Amino acid sequence: MSKKLKLYGFNNLTKSLSFNIYDVCYAKSEESQKKYISYIDEQYNSDRLVGIMQNIADMIGARVLNISKQDYEPQGASVTILMEDETIAHLDKSHVTVHTYPEYHPDKNISTFRVDIDVATCGQITPLSTLDYLIDSFDSDIITMDYRVRGFTRQLNGKKVFIDHKIKSIQDFIDVKTLKKYNAIDINIYQANLFHTKMIIKDIDLQNYLFDIDVNDLPEERRKMITENLREEMIEIYSGTNVF
């Protein structure tokens, strides 16, 4: 928020960032798929997620008030953190939540690990500054992001302020080097201060998507089929519809 903006009372704009990532992997059998699910579930258990969420709180200058965490059976985890602004101590509605959803395709030997993160702040802090960190914290093949500014705050002269910072696209808050790795599109409703961006990885280095398999042990036709199946899965997730 501009320092020149003088408010009547305090800034009570609510800013929320919804961030969803999908990590796609190929495992050669149902047993291997289950091993992958167990592996990824342990890699991103509730303790690991708490560390990531606490780093987010530090990045936006908030103090952690309360942490709630849970690991689920057979898989998945959730973390909720309540925060307040360290400078003005008026962020009683601010929080970070994260949920994980490991699962696998019954026919194509493809597993998908989904992470849903919501960062909500009240006041001049915007959660958009955490995007690069969030993308780097997970193996992000497909990313969908929603950002919205709700409510209004009021200047001394009575004029309402419905958004206190400039934004044309969520992509403007992501490092250029990161953006080059993805194809991205926007759906923005500026009149509602609602911004949506989704991204899909451009290149598939097959070895990075194989669990307990060496790509050199696979014949060329098998590599092509696996790569095609991975790409089809990604396209459907990115499109939000069954395409193939």
Foldseek 3Di string as FASTA:
>chain_A
DDPPFAFDPAFFKKKKKKKKFKDKFAEDDPVLLVVVQVVVQVVDAFVNVVVLQVVLCVVQQWDWDDKDKDADPPGKIKIKTQIAHPPPRPWRVWIKMKIWDWDADPPLRMIMIMMIMMTMTTHDGYSLLCVQVVPVVDVGQKMKMKMFIDDWTAGPVGDTDRDDDDDDASVVSYDPVVPVQWDKDWDDDVVRRMIMMMIGGDDPPPCVRYRPDDPVVDDPVVSVVSVVVRVQVRVCVRVVHNDD
